[in-house]
Amino acid sequence: MDFKLELILLPVSDVDRAKHFYTEQAGFNLDVDHRAGEKFRVVQLTPPGSACSVTIGTGLTDATPGSVRGTHLVVTDIVAACAELAGRGVKVSDVRHLVDGEWRSGPHPDHTDYNSFADFSDPDGNSWVIQERGYEAMA
């Protein structure tokens, strides 16, 4: 039996502000923006290339806006991904990697899987970790 993760709820304080951030700055695709009355709205957004989406809205969760931490986005080139986000106005941390349990600046020198990281947050403080996997050096 497969158990596929398809949707994560993100608590936000302002749906339109968050929608703008995720579509215009983070580059997510807008899949759904549906209202059912004044107290229910669902906005589903999907990162490019992802099989899992996030949903923001009203009437969906009682979690505190900004309380989701460390949701991972996996990319094949962390430097390019961070540059793309920064180019759209997202405040992205510097890329870092671990060596013997200590953080070092920049991507892992060998670009080994799961060893290079950066992060950013949405306007409410929900945080995201960018992690590199499957890097292939350009010839």
N, C-alpha and C. Protein backbone atom coordinates (compact mmCIF):
# COMPACT_ATOMS: atom_id res chain seq x y z
N MET A 1 0.84 -1.18 0.00
CA MET A 1 0.00 0.00 0.00
C MET A 1 0.88 1.24 0.00
N ASP A 2 0.71 2.12 -0.97
CA ASP A 2 1.43 3.39 -1.01
C ASP A 2 0.72 4.41 -0.13
N PHE A 3 1.46 5.21 0.59
CA PHE A 3 0.95 6.33 1.35
C PHE A 3 1.66 7.57 0.83
N LYS A 4 1.05 8.24 -0.11
CA LYS A 4 1.69 9.37 -0.78
C LYS A 4 1.31 10.68 -0.09
N LEU A 5 2.31 11.45 0.26
CA LEU A 5 2.07 12.76 0.83
C LEU A 5 1.68 13.70 -0.30
N GLU A 6 0.51 14.30 -0.19
CA GLU A 6 0.02 15.14 -1.27
C GLU A 6 -0.24 16.58 -0.89
N LEU A 7 -0.45 16.87 0.42
CA LEU A 7 -0.87 18.21 0.79
C LEU A 7 -0.43 18.54 2.21
N ILE A 8 0.11 19.73 2.38
CA ILE A 8 0.49 20.23 3.69
C ILE A 8 -0.26 21.54 3.91
N LEU A 9 -0.91 21.68 5.06
CA LEU A 9 -1.60 22.92 5.40
C LEU A 9 -0.62 23.89 6.04
N LEU A 10 -0.60 25.11 5.53
CA LEU A 10 0.24 26.16 6.09
C LEU A 10 -0.66 27.23 6.71
N PRO A 11 -0.55 27.47 8.00
CA PRO A 11 -1.36 28.51 8.62
C PRO A 11 -0.79 29.89 8.33
N VAL A 12 -1.61 30.78 7.80
CA VAL A 12 -1.19 32.14 7.46
C VAL A 12 -2.21 33.13 8.01
N SER A 13 -1.75 34.37 8.22
CA SER A 13 -2.65 35.39 8.75
C SER A 13 -3.36 36.18 7.66
N ASP A 14 -2.78 36.25 6.48
CA ASP A 14 -3.35 37.00 5.37
C ASP A 14 -3.21 36.15 4.11
N VAL A 15 -4.31 35.59 3.67
CA VAL A 15 -4.29 34.64 2.54
C VAL A 15 -3.78 35.29 1.26
N ASP A 16 -4.23 36.49 0.97
CA ASP A 16 -3.80 37.14 -0.27
C ASP A 16 -2.31 37.49 -0.24
N ARG A 17 -1.81 37.94 0.89
CA ARG A 17 -0.37 38.23 1.02
C ARG A 17 0.45 36.95 0.83
N ALA A 18 0.01 35.87 1.47
CA ALA A 18 0.72 34.59 1.34
C ALA A 18 0.63 34.06 -0.09
N LYS A 19 -0.53 34.18 -0.70
CA LYS A 19 -0.70 33.73 -2.09
C LYS A 19 0.27 34.49 -3.00
N HIS A 20 0.38 35.78 -2.81
CA HIS A 20 1.31 36.58 -3.61
C HIS A 20 2.75 36.11 -3.38
N PHE A 21 3.13 35.91 -2.12
CA PHE A 21 4.48 35.45 -1.83
C PHE A 21 4.78 34.13 -2.52
N TYR A 22 3.89 33.16 -2.36
CA TYR A 22 4.17 31.82 -2.90
C TYR A 22 4.13 31.78 -4.43
N THR A 23 3.24 32.55 -5.06
CA THR A 23 3.19 32.51 -6.53
C THR A 23 4.20 33.44 -7.18
N GLU A 24 4.30 34.68 -6.70
CA GLU A 24 5.14 35.67 -7.36
C GLU A 24 6.59 35.63 -6.91
N GLN A 25 6.85 35.25 -5.66
CA GLN A 25 8.21 35.26 -5.17
C GLN A 25 8.82 33.85 -5.10
N ALA A 26 8.11 32.91 -4.50
CA ALA A 26 8.64 31.56 -4.37
C ALA A 26 8.47 30.74 -5.65
N GLY A 27 7.64 31.20 -6.58
CA GLY A 27 7.49 30.54 -7.87
C GLY A 27 6.59 29.32 -7.88
N PHE A 28 5.74 29.17 -6.85
CA PHE A 28 4.83 28.03 -6.81
C PHE A 28 3.72 28.24 -7.83
N ASN A 29 3.16 27.16 -8.31
CA ASN A 29 2.02 27.20 -9.24
C ASN A 29 0.73 27.29 -8.45
N LEU A 30 -0.18 28.15 -8.89
CA LEU A 30 -1.50 28.26 -8.28
C LEU A 30 -2.40 27.19 -8.90
N ASP A 31 -2.87 26.24 -8.08
CA ASP A 31 -3.72 25.16 -8.56
C ASP A 31 -5.20 25.46 -8.34
N VAL A 32 -5.51 26.00 -7.16
CA VAL A 32 -6.90 26.23 -6.78
C VAL A 32 -6.98 27.50 -5.94
N ASP A 33 -8.01 28.30 -6.16
CA ASP A 33 -8.37 29.39 -5.27
C ASP A 33 -9.89 29.38 -5.21
N HIS A 34 -10.43 28.76 -4.19
CA HIS A 34 -11.87 28.52 -4.10
C HIS A 34 -12.42 29.07 -2.78
N ARG A 35 -13.54 29.76 -2.88
CA ARG A 35 -14.24 30.26 -1.70
C ARG A 35 -15.60 29.60 -1.61
N ALA A 36 -16.02 29.33 -0.40
CA ALA A 36 -17.37 28.85 -0.14
C ALA A 36 -17.90 29.70 1.01
N GLY A 37 -18.45 30.82 0.67
CA GLY A 37 -18.93 31.74 1.70
C GLY A 37 -17.80 32.61 2.23
N GLU A 38 -18.08 33.33 3.29
CA GLU A 38 -17.13 34.27 3.88
C GLU A 38 -16.09 33.59 4.77
N LYS A 39 -16.38 32.41 5.28
CA LYS A 39 -15.51 31.79 6.29
C LYS A 39 -14.69 30.62 5.78
N PHE A 40 -14.75 30.35 4.48
CA PHE A 40 -13.98 29.23 3.96
C PHE A 40 -13.33 29.61 2.63
N ARG A 41 -12.03 29.43 2.57
CA ARG A 41 -11.29 29.65 1.33
C ARG A 41 -10.12 28.67 1.32
N VAL A 42 -9.91 28.05 0.19
CA VAL A 42 -8.78 27.14 0.03
C VAL A 42 -7.97 27.59 -1.19
N VAL A 43 -6.67 27.78 -0.96
CA VAL A 43 -5.74 28.15 -2.03
C VAL A 43 -4.66 27.07 -2.03
N GLN A 44 -4.62 26.30 -3.11
CA GLN A 44 -3.64 25.22 -3.22
C GLN A 44 -2.54 25.66 -4.17
N LEU A 45 -1.28 25.45 -3.71
CA LEU A 45 -0.10 25.87 -4.44
C LEU A 45 0.89 24.72 -4.50
N THR A 46 1.58 24.59 -5.64
CA THR A 46 2.52 23.49 -5.80
C THR A 46 3.88 24.01 -6.26
N PRO A 47 4.94 23.64 -5.53
CA PRO A 47 6.28 24.01 -6.00
C PRO A 47 6.55 23.37 -7.36
N PRO A 48 7.31 24.05 -8.23
CA PRO A 48 7.60 23.48 -9.55
C PRO A 48 8.24 22.08 -9.42
N GLY A 49 7.68 21.12 -10.15
CA GLY A 49 8.21 19.77 -10.17
C GLY A 49 7.80 18.89 -9.00
N SER A 50 7.01 19.40 -8.09
CA SER A 50 6.65 18.64 -6.89
C SER A 50 5.35 17.86 -7.07
N ALA A 51 5.27 16.71 -6.43
CA ALA A 51 4.02 15.94 -6.39
C ALA A 51 3.20 16.32 -5.16
N CYS A 52 3.79 17.08 -4.24
CA CYS A 52 3.10 17.50 -3.02
C CYS A 52 2.82 18.99 -3.09
N SER A 53 1.65 19.39 -2.63
CA SER A 53 1.23 20.78 -2.65
C SER A 53 1.11 21.31 -1.23
N VAL A 54 0.95 22.62 -1.12
CA VAL A 54 0.60 23.26 0.14
C VAL A 54 -0.73 23.96 -0.04
N THR A 55 -1.45 24.09 1.06
CA THR A 55 -2.71 24.81 1.02
C THR A 55 -2.71 25.86 2.11
N ILE A 56 -3.14 27.05 1.74
CA ILE A 56 -3.38 28.14 2.68
C ILE A 56 -4.84 28.50 2.55
N GLY A 57 -5.38 29.21 3.50
CA GLY A 57 -6.76 29.63 3.38
C GLY A 57 -7.37 30.02 4.70
N THR A 58 -8.68 30.07 4.70
CA THR A 58 -9.43 30.35 5.92
C THR A 58 -10.38 29.19 6.18
N GLY A 59 -10.60 28.91 7.46
CA GLY A 59 -11.48 27.81 7.84
C GLY A 59 -10.87 26.45 7.64
N LEU A 60 -9.54 26.37 7.55
CA LEU A 60 -8.86 25.11 7.26
C LEU A 60 -8.16 24.51 8.48
N THR A 61 -7.57 25.36 9.31
CA THR A 61 -6.78 24.89 10.43
C THR A 61 -6.84 25.90 11.56
N ASP A 62 -6.66 25.41 12.77
CA ASP A 62 -6.59 26.32 13.91
C ASP A 62 -5.15 26.52 14.37
N ALA A 63 -4.19 26.06 13.58
CA ALA A 63 -2.77 26.25 13.90
C ALA A 63 -2.41 27.73 13.83
N THR A 64 -1.46 28.14 14.61
CA THR A 64 -1.00 29.52 14.65
C THR A 64 -0.27 29.88 13.36
N PRO A 65 -0.63 31.01 12.73
CA PRO A 65 0.10 31.42 11.54
C PRO A 65 1.61 31.48 11.81
N GLY A 66 2.37 30.92 10.89
CA GLY A 66 3.82 30.92 11.01
C GLY A 66 4.38 29.79 11.85
N SER A 67 3.57 28.84 12.25
CA SER A 67 4.03 27.79 13.16
C SER A 67 4.63 26.56 12.48
N VAL A 68 4.58 26.50 11.15
CA VAL A 68 5.16 25.35 10.44
C VAL A 68 6.64 25.62 10.21
N ARG A 69 7.47 24.68 10.62
CA ARG A 69 8.92 24.87 10.56
C ARG A 69 9.60 23.77 9.76
N GLY A 70 10.54 24.16 8.91
CA GLY A 70 11.46 23.22 8.31
C GLY A 70 10.92 22.31 7.23
N THR A 71 9.87 22.73 6.52
CA THR A 71 9.41 21.93 5.39
C THR A 71 10.51 21.99 4.32
N HIS A 72 10.88 20.82 3.80
CA HIS A 72 12.01 20.74 2.87
C HIS A 72 11.59 20.82 1.40
N LEU A 73 12.37 21.56 0.65
CA LEU A 73 12.30 21.58 -0.80
C LEU A 73 13.63 21.04 -1.30
N VAL A 74 13.60 20.01 -2.13
CA VAL A 74 14.82 19.38 -2.62
C VAL A 74 15.07 19.87 -4.04
N VAL A 75 16.31 20.31 -4.28
CA VAL A 75 16.70 20.85 -5.58
C VAL A 75 17.99 20.18 -6.05
N THR A 76 18.23 20.24 -7.36
CA THR A 76 19.46 19.63 -7.88
C THR A 76 20.63 20.60 -7.90
N ASP A 77 20.37 21.89 -7.79
CA ASP A 77 21.45 22.89 -7.77
C ASP A 77 21.05 23.97 -6.78
N ILE A 78 21.58 23.88 -5.57
CA ILE A 78 21.16 24.78 -4.50
C ILE A 78 21.57 26.23 -4.75
N VAL A 79 22.73 26.43 -5.34
CA VAL A 79 23.18 27.79 -5.63
C VAL A 79 22.24 28.45 -6.64
N ALA A 80 21.89 27.73 -7.69
CA ALA A 80 20.97 28.27 -8.70
C ALA A 80 19.58 28.49 -8.11
N ALA A 81 19.11 27.56 -7.27
CA ALA A 81 17.80 27.70 -6.65
C ALA A 81 17.74 28.93 -5.76
N CYS A 82 18.77 29.14 -4.96
CA CYS A 82 18.81 30.31 -4.07
C CYS A 82 18.87 31.60 -4.87
N ALA A 83 19.64 31.60 -5.95
CA ALA A 83 19.73 32.78 -6.80
C ALA A 83 18.38 33.10 -7.45
N GLU A 84 17.68 32.06 -7.87
CA GLU A 84 16.36 32.25 -8.48
C GLU A 84 15.39 32.87 -7.47
N LEU A 85 15.36 32.33 -6.26
CA LEU A 85 14.48 32.87 -5.22
C LEU A 85 14.87 34.30 -4.86
N ALA A 86 16.14 34.54 -4.66
CA ALA A 86 16.60 35.88 -4.32
C ALA A 86 16.27 36.88 -5.43
N GLY A 87 16.35 36.43 -6.67
CA GLY A 87 16.02 37.28 -7.80
C GLY A 87 14.55 37.68 -7.83
N ARG A 88 13.72 36.91 -7.16
CA ARG A 88 12.29 37.23 -7.06
C ARG A 88 11.96 37.96 -5.75
N GLY A 89 13.00 38.29 -4.99
CA GLY A 89 12.78 39.06 -3.77
C GLY A 89 12.63 38.26 -2.49
N VAL A 90 12.92 36.95 -2.53
CA VAL A 90 12.85 36.13 -1.32
C VAL A 90 14.16 36.29 -0.56
N LYS A 91 14.06 36.53 0.74
CA LYS A 91 15.26 36.61 1.57
C LYS A 91 15.69 35.19 1.91
N VAL A 92 16.76 34.73 1.27
CA VAL A 92 17.26 33.37 1.42
C VAL A 92 18.57 33.43 2.20
N SER A 93 18.74 32.48 3.11
CA SER A 93 19.98 32.42 3.86
C SER A 93 21.14 32.06 2.93
N ASP A 94 22.35 32.22 3.44
CA ASP A 94 23.52 31.74 2.71
C ASP A 94 23.48 30.22 2.67
N VAL A 95 24.03 29.64 1.62
CA VAL A 95 24.14 28.18 1.51
C VAL A 95 25.20 27.72 2.51
N ARG A 96 24.94 26.58 3.13
CA ARG A 96 25.87 26.03 4.11
C ARG A 96 25.89 24.51 3.99
N HIS A 97 26.93 23.91 4.52
CA HIS A 97 27.04 22.45 4.52
C HIS A 97 27.70 22.01 5.82
N LEU A 98 27.52 20.75 6.15
CA LEU A 98 28.09 20.19 7.37
C LEU A 98 29.38 19.44 7.09
N VAL A 99 30.39 19.67 7.95
CA VAL A 99 31.62 18.91 7.93
C VAL A 99 31.93 18.54 9.37
N ASP A 100 31.94 17.26 9.65
CA ASP A 100 32.23 16.77 11.01
C ASP A 100 31.37 17.47 12.06
N GLY A 101 30.11 17.64 11.75
CA GLY A 101 29.16 18.23 12.71
C GLY A 101 29.22 19.74 12.82
N GLU A 102 30.01 20.41 11.98
CA GLU A 102 30.12 21.87 12.02
C GLU A 102 29.65 22.46 10.69
N TRP A 103 28.93 23.59 10.78
CA TRP A 103 28.47 24.26 9.58
C TRP A 103 29.61 25.01 8.93
N ARG A 104 29.69 24.88 7.60
CA ARG A 104 30.66 25.61 6.79
C ARG A 104 29.90 26.37 5.71
N SER A 105 30.47 27.47 5.29
CA SER A 105 29.84 28.30 4.27
C SER A 105 29.93 27.65 2.89
N GLY A 106 28.89 27.85 2.11
CA GLY A 106 28.86 27.38 0.73
C GLY A 106 28.31 25.97 0.59
N PRO A 107 28.09 25.52 -0.65
CA PRO A 107 27.62 24.16 -0.87
C PRO A 107 28.73 23.16 -0.54
N HIS A 108 28.34 21.94 -0.26
CA HIS A 108 29.34 20.91 -0.01
C HIS A 108 30.26 20.84 -1.23
N PRO A 109 31.58 20.79 -1.03
CA PRO A 109 32.52 20.81 -2.17
C PRO A 109 32.28 19.69 -3.19
N ASP A 110 31.81 18.55 -2.73
CA ASP A 110 31.54 17.43 -3.64
C ASP A 110 30.09 17.36 -4.08
N HIS A 111 29.28 18.30 -3.60
CA HIS A 111 27.84 18.32 -3.91
C HIS A 111 27.19 16.96 -3.63
N THR A 112 27.61 16.30 -2.56
CA THR A 112 27.01 15.02 -2.21
C THR A 112 25.57 15.24 -1.76
N ASP A 113 24.74 14.25 -1.99
CA ASP A 113 23.31 14.35 -1.68
C ASP A 113 23.07 14.65 -0.20
N TYR A 114 22.09 15.51 0.04
CA TYR A 114 21.58 15.84 1.37
C TYR A 114 22.61 16.53 2.26
N ASN A 115 23.59 17.21 1.69
CA ASN A 115 24.62 17.84 2.50
C ASN A 115 24.75 19.34 2.32
N SER A 116 23.94 19.97 1.48
CA SER A 116 23.97 21.42 1.32
C SER A 116 22.58 21.97 1.60
N PHE A 117 22.53 23.09 2.34
CA PHE A 117 21.26 23.61 2.84
C PHE A 117 21.20 25.14 2.75
N ALA A 118 20.00 25.65 2.65
CA ALA A 118 19.70 27.08 2.80
C ALA A 118 18.27 27.14 3.31
N ASP A 119 17.81 28.30 3.73
CA ASP A 119 16.42 28.39 4.18
C ASP A 119 15.84 29.76 3.93
N PHE A 120 14.53 29.81 3.98
CA PHE A 120 13.78 31.06 3.85
C PHE A 120 12.46 30.89 4.59
N SER A 121 11.76 31.99 4.79
CA SER A 121 10.47 31.96 5.46
C SER A 121 9.45 32.76 4.67
N ASP A 122 8.17 32.40 4.83
CA ASP A 122 7.11 33.19 4.22
C ASP A 122 6.83 34.41 5.11
N PRO A 123 5.93 35.31 4.70
CA PRO A 123 5.69 36.52 5.48
C PRO A 123 5.21 36.26 6.91
N ASP A 124 4.62 35.10 7.19
CA ASP A 124 4.17 34.77 8.54
C ASP A 124 5.24 34.09 9.37
N GLY A 125 6.30 33.61 8.74
CA GLY A 125 7.35 32.92 9.47
C GLY A 125 7.35 31.41 9.31
N ASN A 126 6.45 30.86 8.48
CA ASN A 126 6.55 29.43 8.17
C ASN A 126 7.88 29.25 7.45
N SER A 127 8.71 28.32 7.94
CA SER A 127 10.07 28.23 7.39
C SER A 127 10.24 27.03 6.47
N TRP A 128 11.11 27.21 5.50
CA TRP A 128 11.43 26.22 4.48
C TRP A 128 12.92 25.98 4.48
N VAL A 129 13.31 24.73 4.27
CA VAL A 129 14.70 24.36 4.10
C VAL A 129 14.88 23.89 2.67
N ILE A 130 15.88 24.44 2.01
CA ILE A 130 16.24 23.99 0.67
C ILE A 130 17.42 23.03 0.84
N GLN A 131 17.31 21.88 0.22
CA GLN A 131 18.35 20.85 0.35
C GLN A 131 18.72 20.35 -1.04
N GLU A 132 20.02 20.14 -1.25
CA GLU A 132 20.49 19.71 -2.56
C GLU A 132 20.61 18.19 -2.63
N ARG A 133 20.09 17.64 -3.74
CA ARG A 133 20.21 16.19 -4.02
C ARG A 133 20.23 16.02 -5.53
N GLY A 134 21.11 15.16 -6.00
CA GLY A 134 21.15 14.86 -7.43
C GLY A 134 21.91 15.87 -8.26
N TYR A 135 22.84 16.58 -7.63
CA TYR A 135 23.63 17.59 -8.36
C TYR A 135 24.49 16.92 -9.43
N GLU A 136 24.48 17.52 -10.59
CA GLU A 136 25.37 17.06 -11.65
C GLU A 136 26.13 18.26 -12.16
N ALA A 137 27.43 18.24 -12.01
CA ALA A 137 28.26 19.35 -12.45
C ALA A 137 28.16 19.55 -13.95
N MET A 138 28.13 20.79 -14.36
CA MET A 138 28.09 21.10 -15.79
C MET A 138 29.46 20.82 -16.40
N ALA A 139 29.46 20.18 -17.53
CA ALA A 139 30.73 19.85 -18.19
C ALA A 139 31.24 21.00 -19.01
